[in-house]
Amino acid sequence: MLENLDLQIHNSQIEIKIFADNNYEYLEKIKLQYLKSLVMLIVSEYEVIIEKIFYLRAEKCNDYMLANFVKIFMDRKFRSPNLSKIYDTLKSFDNKLSNDFRSRINNTTIHAAWDNLIEARHYIVHKSGSLNLTYEELILSYPKTKNVLIELAFILDVDIV
């Protein structure tokens, strides 16, 4: 599910390296544009994946109508997928799911990386607040953000590999 996203991020690193070798004076501007593009790309992919994780869980019930309801209910629910939306959605299924997920994420580097990504998206889309994430920080924190999806899939007992 994340292979294409991983490849695009890897390619951006190669492209920036090539650009830096040939045109250093514009490097920071290029990094900023890549940062904004990657943040939007990552978050939009994560929105789809989160919805799919919930849908896959509903499918496990072998009830087509229930699974279809969940799919429609989840559609666009996770635009700007902050952790509180995930907690609340899990809570609507079962408090224990929400609490278990929260205990695996809260006050961790995963939590901080996710929040930084979502705050960067908010800044890019709404031009409010400040952009407190650099291209280099995004590259380092991206693998941590994937753990939110992995933990969500684990809590809901679905396979996203």
C-alpha atoms as a PDB file:
ATOM      1  CA  MET A   1       0.000   0.000   0.000  1.00  0.00           C
ATOM      2  CA  LEU A   2       2.831   2.411   0.783  1.00  0.00           C
ATOM      3  CA  GLU A   3       5.403   1.252  -1.778  1.00  0.00           C
ATOM      4  CA  ASN A   4       4.520   3.914  -4.360  1.00  0.00           C
ATOM      5  CA  LEU A   5       4.679   6.650  -1.729  1.00  0.00           C
ATOM      6  CA  ASP A   6       8.031   5.353  -0.464  1.00  0.00           C
ATOM      7  CA  LEU A   7       9.369   5.371  -4.025  1.00  0.00           C
ATOM      8  CA  GLN A   8       8.214   8.948  -4.669  1.00  0.00           C
ATOM      9  CA  ILE A   9       9.900  10.152  -1.487  1.00  0.00           C
ATOM     10  CA  HIS A  10      13.089   8.316  -2.403  1.00  0.00           C
ATOM     11  CA  ASN A  11      13.010   9.849  -5.891  1.00  0.00           C
ATOM     12  CA  SER A  12      12.623  13.332  -4.396  1.00  0.00           C
ATOM     13  CA  GLN A  13      15.814  12.785  -2.427  1.00  0.00           C
ATOM     14  CA  ILE A  14      17.679  11.820  -5.590  1.00  0.00           C
ATOM     15  CA  GLU A  15      16.276  14.783  -7.528  1.00  0.00           C
ATOM     16  CA  ILE A  16      17.216  17.234  -4.784  1.00  0.00           C
ATOM     17  CA  LYS A  17      20.739  15.803  -4.667  1.00  0.00           C
ATOM     18  CA  ILE A  18      21.087  16.251  -8.437  1.00  0.00           C
ATOM     19  CA  PHE A  19      19.698  19.772  -8.232  1.00  0.00           C
ATOM     20  CA  ALA A  20      21.969  20.653  -5.314  1.00  0.00           C
ATOM     21  CA  ASP A  21      25.021  19.541  -7.269  1.00  0.00           C
ATOM     22  CA  ASN A  22      24.071  21.712 -10.232  1.00  0.00           C
ATOM     23  CA  ASN A  23      22.239  24.746  -8.846  1.00  0.00           C
ATOM     24  CA  TYR A  24      22.935  25.313  -5.176  1.00  0.00           C
ATOM     25  CA  GLU A  25      21.590  28.883  -5.003  1.00  0.00           C
ATOM     26  CA  TYR A  26      17.981  27.714  -5.508  1.00  0.00           C
ATOM     27  CA  LEU A  27      18.257  24.590  -3.373  1.00  0.00           C
ATOM     28  CA  GLU A  28      16.261  25.886  -0.379  1.00  0.00           C
ATOM     29  CA  LYS A  29      13.412  27.062  -2.617  1.00  0.00           C
ATOM     30  CA  ILE A  30      13.309  23.679  -4.324  1.00  0.00           C
ATOM     31  CA  LYS A  31      13.339  21.875  -0.973  1.00  0.00           C
ATOM     32  CA  LEU A  32      10.407  23.988   0.205  1.00  0.00           C
ATOM     33  CA  GLN A  33       8.410  23.115  -2.905  1.00  0.00           C
ATOM     34  CA  TYR A  34       9.223  19.422  -2.505  1.00  0.00           C
ATOM     35  CA  LEU A  35       8.266  19.622   1.169  1.00  0.00           C
ATOM     36  CA  LYS A  36       4.870  21.106   0.371  1.00  0.00           C
ATOM     37  CA  SER A  37       4.224  18.632  -2.430  1.00  0.00           C
ATOM     38  CA  LEU A  38       5.262  15.622  -0.365  1.00  0.00           C
ATOM     39  CA  VAL A  39       3.232  16.683   2.663  1.00  0.00           C
ATOM     40  CA  MET A  40       0.110  16.953   0.507  1.00  0.00           C
ATOM     41  CA  LEU A  41       0.868  13.661  -1.237  1.00  0.00           C
ATOM     42  CA  ILE A  42       1.549  11.774   2.000  1.00  0.00           C
ATOM     43  CA  VAL A  43      -1.497  13.091   3.831  1.00  0.00           C
ATOM     44  CA  SER A  44      -3.825  12.427   0.892  1.00  0.00           C
ATOM     45  CA  GLU A  45      -2.535   8.848   0.643  1.00  0.00           C
ATOM     46  CA  TYR A  46      -2.904   8.389   4.395  1.00  0.00           C
ATOM     47  CA  GLU A  47      -6.508   9.611   4.243  1.00  0.00           C
ATOM     48  CA  VAL A  48      -7.343   6.878   1.735  1.00  0.00           C
ATOM     49  CA  ILE A  49      -5.421   4.214   3.634  1.00  0.00           C
ATOM     50  CA  ILE A  50      -7.115   5.023   6.956  1.00  0.00           C
ATOM     51  CA  GLU A  51     -10.541   4.754   5.316  1.00  0.00           C
ATOM     52  CA  LYS A  52      -9.485   1.472   3.725  1.00  0.00           C
ATOM     53  CA  ILE A  53      -8.306   0.056   7.062  1.00  0.00           C
ATOM     54  CA  PHE A  54     -11.727   0.667   8.582  1.00  0.00           C
ATOM     55  CA  TYR A  55     -13.409  -0.787   5.502  1.00  0.00           C
ATOM     56  CA  LEU A  56     -11.216  -3.915   5.633  1.00  0.00           C
ATOM     57  CA  ARG A  57     -12.231  -4.394   9.245  1.00  0.00           C
ATOM     58  CA  ALA A  58     -15.910  -4.141   8.323  1.00  0.00           C
ATOM     59  CA  GLU A  59     -15.412  -6.663   5.513  1.00  0.00           C
ATOM     60  CA  LYS A  60     -14.225  -9.222   8.069  1.00  0.00           C
ATOM     61  CA  CYS A  61     -17.826  -9.435   9.303  1.00  0.00           C
ATOM     62  CA  ASN A  62     -18.832 -11.014   5.984  1.00  0.00           C
ATOM     63  CA  ASP A  63     -21.824  -8.718   5.837  1.00  0.00           C
ATOM     64  CA  TYR A  64     -21.864  -6.855   2.522  1.00  0.00           C
ATOM     65  CA  MET A  65     -24.410  -4.270   3.677  1.00  0.00           C
ATOM     66  CA  LEU A  66     -22.466  -3.471   6.842  1.00  0.00           C
ATOM     67  CA  ALA A  67     -19.187  -3.223   4.941  1.00  0.00           C
ATOM     68  CA  ASN A  68     -20.798  -0.968   2.343  1.00  0.00           C
ATOM     69  CA  PHE A  69     -22.264   1.239   5.077  1.00  0.00           C
ATOM     70  CA  VAL A  70     -18.854   1.586   6.732  1.00  0.00           C
ATOM     71  CA  LYS A  71     -17.228   2.375   3.379  1.00  0.00           C
ATOM     72  CA  ILE A  72     -19.743   5.151   2.672  1.00  0.00           C
ATOM     73  CA  PHE A  73     -19.612   6.426   6.267  1.00  0.00           C
ATOM     74  CA  MET A  74     -15.815   6.603   6.182  1.00  0.00           C
ATOM     75  CA  ASP A  75     -15.654   8.335   2.805  1.00  0.00           C
ATOM     76  CA  ARG A  76     -13.928  11.692   3.340  1.00  0.00           C
ATOM     77  CA  LYS A  77     -14.144  11.323   7.131  1.00  0.00           C
ATOM     78  CA  PHE A  78     -10.396  11.560   7.473  1.00  0.00           C
ATOM     79  CA  ARG A  79      -9.627  14.696   5.499  1.00  0.00           C
ATOM     80  CA  SER A  80      -6.838  16.179   7.548  1.00  0.00           C
ATOM     81  CA  PRO A  81      -6.586  12.988   9.605  1.00  0.00           C
ATOM     82  CA  ASN A  82      -5.519  14.228  13.008  1.00  0.00           C
ATOM     83  CA  LEU A  83      -5.213  11.625  15.731  1.00  0.00           C
ATOM     84  CA  SER A  84      -8.315  12.804  17.581  1.00  0.00           C
ATOM     85  CA  LYS A  85     -10.446  11.834  14.546  1.00  0.00           C
ATOM     86  CA  ILE A  86      -8.933   8.367  14.605  1.00  0.00           C
ATOM     87  CA  TYR A  87      -9.432   8.079  18.380  1.00  0.00           C
ATOM     88  CA  ASP A  88     -13.063   9.194  18.090  1.00  0.00           C
ATOM     89  CA  THR A  89     -13.810   6.819  15.234  1.00  0.00           C
ATOM     90  CA  LEU A  90     -12.272   3.907  17.112  1.00  0.00           C
ATOM     91  CA  LYS A  91     -14.240   4.933  20.192  1.00  0.00           C
ATOM     92  CA  SER A  92     -17.478   4.787  18.192  1.00  0.00           C
ATOM     93  CA  PHE A  93     -16.722   1.115  17.566  1.00  0.00           C
ATOM     94  CA  ASP A  94     -15.375   0.298  21.030  1.00  0.00           C
ATOM     95  CA  ASN A  95     -13.770   2.353  23.828  1.00  0.00           C
ATOM     96  CA  LYS A  96     -11.159  -0.345  24.324  1.00  0.00           C
ATOM     97  CA  LEU A  97      -9.985  -0.032  20.712  1.00  0.00           C
ATOM     98  CA  SER A  98      -9.558   3.700  21.111  1.00  0.00           C
ATOM     99  CA  ASN A  99      -7.779   3.360  24.438  1.00  0.00           C
ATOM    100  CA  ASP A 100      -5.468   0.614  23.133  1.00  0.00           C
ATOM    101  CA  PHE A 101      -4.574   2.649  20.053  1.00  0.00           C
ATOM    102  CA  ARG A 102      -4.070   5.777  22.128  1.00  0.00           C
ATOM    103  CA  SER A 103      -1.762   3.941  24.547  1.00  0.00           C
ATOM    104  CA  ARG A 104       0.389   2.775  21.626  1.00  0.00           C
ATOM    105  CA  ILE A 105       0.673   6.252  20.058  1.00  0.00           C
ATOM    106  CA  ASN A 106       0.339   8.999  22.689  1.00  0.00           C
ATOM    107  CA  ASN A 107       3.480  10.835  23.774  1.00  0.00           C
ATOM    108  CA  THR A 108       5.749   8.954  21.378  1.00  0.00           C
ATOM    109  CA  THR A 109       7.955  10.085  18.516  1.00  0.00           C
ATOM    110  CA  ILE A 110       5.268   8.566  16.265  1.00  0.00           C
ATOM    111  CA  HIS A 111       2.699  10.957  17.759  1.00  0.00           C
ATOM    112  CA  ALA A 112       5.005  13.963  17.320  1.00  0.00           C
ATOM    113  CA  ALA A 113       5.865  13.034  13.725  1.00  0.00           C
ATOM    114  CA  TRP A 114       2.166  12.601  12.841  1.00  0.00           C
ATOM    115  CA  ASP A 115       1.184  15.902  14.435  1.00  0.00           C
ATOM    116  CA  ASN A 116       4.000  17.729  12.614  1.00  0.00           C
ATOM    117  CA  LEU A 117       2.850  16.264   9.300  1.00  0.00           C
ATOM    118  CA  ILE A 118      -0.806  17.208   9.857  1.00  0.00           C
ATOM    119  CA  GLU A 119       0.123  20.702  11.084  1.00  0.00           C
ATOM    120  CA  ALA A 120       2.280  21.198   7.980  1.00  0.00           C
ATOM    121  CA  ARG A 121      -0.652  20.152   5.796  1.00  0.00           C
ATOM    122  CA  HIS A 122      -2.879  22.607   7.654  1.00  0.00           C
ATOM    123  CA  TYR A 123      -0.402  25.425   7.050  1.00  0.00           C
ATOM    124  CA  ILE A 124      -0.036  24.582   3.355  1.00  0.00           C
ATOM    125  CA  VAL A 125      -3.791  24.367   2.754  1.00  0.00           C
ATOM    126  CA  HIS A 126      -5.026  27.207   4.971  1.00  0.00           C
ATOM    127  CA  LYS A 127      -1.951  29.460   5.242  1.00  0.00           C
ATOM    128  CA  SER A 128      -2.524  29.763   8.974  1.00  0.00           C
ATOM    129  CA  GLY A 129       0.012  29.133  11.682  1.00  0.00           C
ATOM    130  CA  SER A 130       3.557  28.447  10.604  1.00  0.00           C
ATOM    131  CA  LEU A 131       5.408  25.761   8.723  1.00  0.00           C
ATOM    132  CA  ASN A 132       7.508  24.104  11.408  1.00  0.00           C
ATOM    133  CA  LEU A 133       8.799  21.246   9.280  1.00  0.00           C
ATOM    134  CA  THR A 134      11.745  21.157   6.912  1.00  0.00           C
ATOM    135  CA  TYR A 135      12.298  18.836   3.991  1.00  0.00           C
ATOM    136  CA  GLU A 136      15.027  17.022   5.936  1.00  0.00           C
ATOM    137  CA  GLU A 137      12.768  16.609   8.980  1.00  0.00           C
ATOM    138  CA  LEU A 138       9.999  15.218   6.785  1.00  0.00           C
ATOM    139  CA  ILE A 139      12.355  12.644   5.288  1.00  0.00           C
ATOM    140  CA  LEU A 140      13.443  11.573   8.786  1.00  0.00           C
ATOM    141  CA  SER A 141       9.943  11.544  10.293  1.00  0.00           C
ATOM    142  CA  TYR A 142       8.060   9.946   7.400  1.00  0.00           C
ATOM    143  CA  PRO A 143       8.874   6.351   8.484  1.00  0.00           C
ATOM    144  CA  LYS A 144       7.538   7.168  11.962  1.00  0.00           C
ATOM    145  CA  THR A 145       4.252   8.475  10.547  1.00  0.00           C
ATOM    146  CA  LYS A 146       3.682   5.156   8.786  1.00  0.00           C
ATOM    147  CA  ASN A 147       3.558   3.545  12.219  1.00  0.00           C
ATOM    148  CA  VAL A 148       0.206   5.232  12.894  1.00  0.00           C
ATOM    149  CA  LEU A 149      -1.232   3.229   9.999  1.00  0.00           C
ATOM    150  CA  ILE A 150       0.502   0.066  11.123  1.00  0.00           C
ATOM    151  CA  GLU A 151      -0.798   0.451  14.687  1.00  0.00           C
ATOM    152  CA  LEU A 152      -4.323   1.225  13.457  1.00  0.00           C
ATOM    153  CA  ALA A 153      -4.313  -1.893  11.272  1.00  0.00           C
ATOM    154  CA  PHE A 154      -2.985  -3.929  14.208  1.00  0.00           C
ATOM    155  CA  ILE A 155      -5.681  -2.646  16.580  1.00  0.00           C
ATOM    156  CA  LEU A 156      -8.388  -3.407  14.009  1.00  0.00           C
ATOM    157  CA  ASP A 157      -6.807  -6.775  13.145  1.00  0.00           C
ATOM    158  CA  VAL A 158      -6.392  -6.162   9.422  1.00  0.00           C
ATOM    159  CA  ASP A 159      -3.457  -6.635   7.085  1.00  0.00           C
ATOM    160  CA  ILE A 160      -2.296  -3.621   5.099  1.00  0.00           C
ATOM    161  CA  VAL A 161       0.890  -5.048   3.650  1.00  0.00           C
END
